[in-house]
Amino acid sequence: MIPWEQLDAARTPDGKQELRLKRRGSEFSIMLGSNELMNSRLSGSEEALARLSLEKLGKHDRIHILIGGLGMGFTLRAALAELGSDAKITVAELVPAVVAWARGPMTPIFNGCLDDARVAIRQGDVTRVIDSARREFDAILLDVDNGPEGLTQDSNDTLYSFAGLKAARNALKPGGVLSVWSSGPDRGFTRRLQQSGFAAEAVTVRAHGKRGAKHTIWLAVNPR
């Protein structure tokens, strides 16, 4: 068995916790304490976040998507594979080290997608990007802090609050889609989406094909 090697570590922006990038052979893992946030072998649910969002949106041409959280780029790569050359994807990533890892040790799994002309990286809090936008995005895909029940940043609670959902509606075009990845279900969040004016549903997906842990994706449509 090849042992894990720690490649780098970075503090979360509030300084309270530490993210660690580890590698074992060609496999990568990003850890928060004893919790594994993501693993390069388990991409199914993050890819489903892009696929299901675009299916719900119903169009793939001349659209602008905001992805909150770069992670290991699974959602980004899945979206790029579906979209035409006239699409635009803005990726907001809060932790500078995650972008550095994508351009450094994890270059093989990113496979040049950060250099795609359709991609723009915004270093900073996705909440601020959403707050400053008005009918700008066709879809907002959030894979931030393990979902509504976060682990890393208390400030992420705002993103999933009534105020945060109102801001998301303002940032979306009519008929746009807000999609949220979570490590598990949350009936309260489903109700909050519906009470905020979205037509929302929760979908269960697997971490790896038809196997692995069950994750939840909310698909919420902004009324026209």
Protein backbone atom coordinates (compact mmCIF):
# COMPACT_ATOMS: atom_id res chain seq x y z
CA MET A 1 0.00 0.00 0.00
CA ILE A 2 1.39 3.37 -1.03
CA PRO A 3 1.37 5.76 1.95
CA TRP A 4 -0.30 9.17 1.84
CA GLU A 5 2.02 12.14 1.40
CA GLN A 6 1.02 15.62 2.54
CA LEU A 7 1.88 18.12 -0.20
CA ASP A 8 0.69 21.37 1.30
CA ALA A 9 -1.56 22.99 3.89
CA ALA A 10 -3.48 26.26 4.06
CA ARG A 11 -5.57 27.99 6.70
CA THR A 12 -9.22 28.75 6.02
CA PRO A 13 -9.81 32.50 5.58
CA ASP A 14 -11.07 32.86 9.15
CA GLY A 15 -7.82 31.28 10.35
CA LYS A 16 -9.62 28.73 12.49
CA GLN A 17 -9.02 25.54 10.50
CA GLU A 18 -6.53 23.98 8.13
CA LEU A 19 -6.98 22.43 4.69
CA ARG A 20 -4.43 19.78 3.72
CA LEU A 21 -3.63 18.49 0.24
CA LYS A 22 -2.49 14.87 0.22
CA ARG A 23 -1.38 12.48 -2.52
CA ARG A 24 -1.08 8.71 -2.76
CA GLY A 25 0.25 7.66 -6.15
CA SER A 26 -2.06 9.38 -8.67
CA GLU A 27 -4.84 9.86 -6.09
CA PHE A 28 -5.41 13.25 -4.40
CA SER A 29 -7.34 14.14 -1.26
CA ILE A 30 -8.23 17.45 0.37
CA MET A 31 -8.75 17.13 4.12
CA LEU A 32 -10.22 19.40 6.76
CA GLY A 33 -9.02 18.00 10.04
CA SER A 34 -10.09 14.35 10.01
CA ASN A 35 -12.80 15.00 7.38
CA GLU A 36 -12.08 14.29 3.73
CA LEU A 37 -13.74 17.07 1.74
CA MET A 38 -12.97 15.58 -1.66
CA ASN A 39 -11.05 12.79 -3.33
CA SER A 40 -9.95 12.57 -6.96
CA ARG A 41 -11.42 9.05 -7.28
CA LEU A 42 -14.92 10.19 -6.25
CA SER A 43 -16.33 12.65 -8.75
CA GLY A 44 -19.82 11.36 -9.57
CA SER A 45 -21.99 13.72 -7.54
CA GLU A 46 -19.96 16.84 -8.39
CA GLU A 47 -20.23 15.97 -12.09
CA ALA A 48 -23.96 15.40 -11.61
CA LEU A 49 -24.22 18.93 -10.22
CA ALA A 50 -23.25 20.29 -13.65
CA ARG A 51 -25.19 17.75 -15.70
CA LEU A 52 -28.47 18.02 -13.79
CA SER A 53 -28.25 21.81 -13.69
CA LEU A 54 -27.88 22.07 -17.45
CA GLU A 55 -30.69 19.57 -17.99
CA LYS A 56 -32.94 21.66 -15.74
CA LEU A 57 -31.89 24.86 -17.51
CA GLY A 58 -32.77 23.31 -20.86
CA LYS A 59 -30.22 25.19 -22.96
CA HIS A 60 -26.47 25.05 -23.43
CA ASP A 61 -25.71 27.93 -25.78
CA ARG A 62 -24.70 31.52 -24.97
CA ILE A 63 -25.12 31.08 -21.26
CA HIS A 64 -23.20 32.34 -18.24
CA ILE A 65 -22.71 29.99 -15.30
CA LEU A 66 -21.32 30.81 -11.86
CA ILE A 67 -19.67 27.94 -9.99
CA GLY A 68 -19.06 28.49 -6.29
CA GLY A 69 -16.10 26.41 -5.17
CA LEU A 70 -13.34 25.12 -7.46
CA GLY A 71 -12.50 22.01 -5.46
CA MET A 72 -10.88 19.46 -7.76
CA GLY A 73 -12.63 20.88 -10.81
CA PHE A 74 -15.10 18.02 -11.34
CA THR A 75 -18.11 20.32 -11.77
CA LEU A 76 -16.15 22.71 -13.97
CA ARG A 77 -14.91 20.00 -16.31
CA ALA A 78 -18.35 18.41 -16.56
CA ALA A 79 -19.89 21.77 -17.48
CA LEU A 80 -17.23 22.51 -20.08
CA ALA A 81 -17.88 19.16 -21.73
CA GLU A 82 -21.57 20.05 -22.15
CA LEU A 83 -21.26 23.68 -23.23
CA GLY A 84 -20.51 25.31 -26.56
CA SER A 85 -17.75 27.76 -27.40
CA ASP A 86 -20.01 30.76 -26.75
CA ALA A 87 -20.64 29.89 -23.08
CA LYS A 88 -18.95 31.55 -20.12
CA ILE A 89 -18.14 30.02 -16.73
CA THR A 90 -17.09 32.13 -13.75
CA VAL A 91 -15.57 30.13 -10.88
CA ALA A 92 -15.40 31.79 -7.45
CA GLU A 93 -12.92 30.20 -5.03
CA LEU A 94 -12.36 31.57 -1.54
CA VAL A 95 -9.07 29.84 -0.64
CA PRO A 96 -6.10 30.98 -2.77
CA ALA A 97 -4.22 27.75 -2.11
CA VAL A 98 -6.94 25.70 -3.81
CA VAL A 99 -6.35 27.59 -7.07
CA ALA A 100 -2.58 27.21 -6.61
CA TRP A 101 -3.00 23.44 -6.09
CA ALA A 102 -5.08 23.23 -9.26
CA ARG A 103 -2.31 24.90 -11.23
CA GLY A 104 0.43 23.00 -9.39
CA PRO A 105 0.31 19.47 -7.92
CA MET A 106 -3.17 18.70 -9.29
CA THR A 107 -2.42 19.87 -12.84
CA PRO A 108 -2.83 16.32 -14.23
CA ILE A 109 -6.45 16.00 -13.09
CA PHE A 110 -7.38 19.54 -14.16
CA ASN A 111 -6.03 18.76 -17.63
CA GLY A 112 -5.77 22.39 -18.73
CA CYS A 113 -9.38 23.35 -18.03
CA LEU A 114 -8.37 26.52 -16.15
CA ASP A 115 -6.80 27.76 -19.38
CA ASP A 116 -10.03 27.28 -21.36
CA ALA A 117 -11.09 30.61 -22.89
CA ARG A 118 -14.59 30.10 -21.49
CA VAL A 119 -13.35 30.03 -17.88
CA ALA A 120 -12.72 33.00 -15.57
CA ILE A 121 -11.44 32.45 -12.02
CA ARG A 122 -12.61 34.93 -9.37
CA GLN A 123 -10.51 34.76 -6.23
CA GLY A 124 -12.86 35.53 -3.35
CA ASP A 125 -16.15 34.78 -1.66
CA VAL A 126 -18.90 33.58 -4.00
CA THR A 127 -21.39 35.37 -1.74
CA ARG A 128 -19.94 38.71 -2.82
CA VAL A 129 -20.10 37.74 -6.49
CA ILE A 130 -23.78 36.85 -6.08
CA ASP A 131 -24.58 39.98 -4.07
CA SER A 132 -23.12 42.24 -6.77
CA ALA A 133 -24.93 40.58 -9.70
CA ARG A 134 -28.33 41.46 -11.18
CA ARG A 135 -29.90 39.01 -13.65
CA GLU A 136 -26.40 38.07 -14.77
CA PHE A 137 -26.30 34.28 -14.53
CA ASP A 138 -28.28 31.54 -16.24
CA ALA A 139 -27.23 29.12 -13.52
CA ILE A 140 -25.48 29.26 -10.16
CA LEU A 141 -23.88 26.00 -9.03
CA LEU A 142 -22.78 25.91 -5.40
CA ASP A 143 -20.43 23.31 -3.95
CA VAL A 144 -19.41 25.32 -0.93
CA ASP A 145 -18.54 24.06 2.54
CA ASN A 146 -20.28 20.65 2.32
CA GLY A 147 -23.69 22.25 1.68
CA PRO A 148 -26.14 24.07 3.95
CA GLU A 149 -24.70 22.33 7.03
CA GLY A 150 -21.19 23.70 6.59
CA LEU A 151 -17.88 22.72 8.14
CA THR A 152 -15.37 25.47 7.46
CA GLN A 153 -16.79 29.00 7.47
CA ASP A 154 -19.53 30.39 9.70
CA SER A 155 -19.99 33.11 7.07
CA ASN A 156 -21.16 30.46 4.60
CA ASP A 157 -24.40 30.20 6.57
CA THR A 158 -25.40 33.49 4.95
CA LEU A 159 -25.16 31.91 1.52
CA TYR A 160 -27.93 29.44 2.35
CA SER A 161 -30.07 31.79 4.44
CA PHE A 162 -33.23 33.58 3.28
CA ALA A 163 -31.12 36.66 2.57
CA GLY A 164 -28.62 34.61 0.58
CA LEU A 165 -31.35 32.92 -1.44
CA LYS A 166 -32.95 36.27 -2.20
CA ALA A 167 -29.59 37.50 -3.49
CA ALA A 168 -29.29 34.37 -5.64
CA ARG A 169 -32.70 35.03 -7.19
CA ASN A 170 -31.63 38.58 -7.96
CA ALA A 171 -28.41 37.33 -9.56
CA LEU A 172 -30.21 34.79 -11.76
CA LYS A 173 -32.00 35.54 -14.97
CA PRO A 174 -35.71 34.64 -15.06
CA GLY A 175 -35.91 30.88 -15.55
CA GLY A 176 -32.37 30.49 -14.22
CA VAL A 177 -31.30 27.61 -12.00
CA LEU A 178 -29.74 27.60 -8.55
CA SER A 179 -28.14 24.22 -7.80
CA VAL A 180 -26.64 23.26 -4.46
CA TRP A 181 -24.46 20.24 -3.64
CA SER A 182 -24.60 18.77 -0.14
CA SER A 183 -23.09 15.80 1.63
CA GLY A 184 -26.57 14.91 2.90
CA PRO A 185 -30.29 15.77 2.89
CA ASP A 186 -31.82 18.76 4.66
CA ARG A 187 -35.61 19.10 4.53
CA GLY A 188 -35.38 22.50 6.16
CA PHE A 189 -33.31 23.80 3.28
CA THR A 190 -35.79 22.45 0.74
CA ARG A 191 -38.55 24.39 2.49
CA ARG A 192 -36.37 27.50 2.66
CA LEU A 193 -35.80 27.37 -1.09
CA GLN A 194 -39.53 27.04 -1.73
CA GLN A 195 -40.38 29.80 0.74
CA SER A 196 -37.86 32.02 -1.07
CA GLY A 197 -39.84 31.68 -4.29
CA PHE A 198 -37.92 28.93 -6.06
CA ALA A 199 -39.53 25.86 -7.61
CA ALA A 200 -37.21 23.43 -5.85
CA GLU A 201 -36.54 19.72 -5.68
CA ALA A 202 -33.89 17.59 -3.96
CA VAL A 203 -32.20 14.79 -5.92
CA THR A 204 -30.12 11.98 -4.42
CA VAL A 205 -26.96 11.04 -6.30
CA ARG A 206 -24.05 8.70 -5.65
CA ALA A 207 -20.45 9.72 -5.06
CA HIS A 208 -19.15 7.23 -7.62
CA GLY A 209 -21.43 5.99 -10.37
CA LYS A 210 -24.06 3.75 -8.77
CA ARG A 211 -21.91 3.20 -5.70
CA GLY A 212 -20.50 5.18 -2.84
CA ALA A 213 -22.04 7.61 -0.39
CA LYS A 214 -25.36 9.26 -1.15
CA HIS A 215 -25.21 13.00 -1.69
CA THR A 216 -27.96 15.56 -2.27
CA ILE A 217 -28.35 18.11 -5.04
CA TRP A 218 -31.05 20.77 -4.92
CA LEU A 219 -32.31 22.08 -8.24
CA ALA A 220 -34.19 25.35 -7.80
CA VAL A 221 -35.68 27.29 -10.69
CA ASN A 222 -36.14 31.05 -10.53
CA PRO A 223 -39.67 31.84 -11.84
CA ARG A 224 -39.90 33.79 -15.07
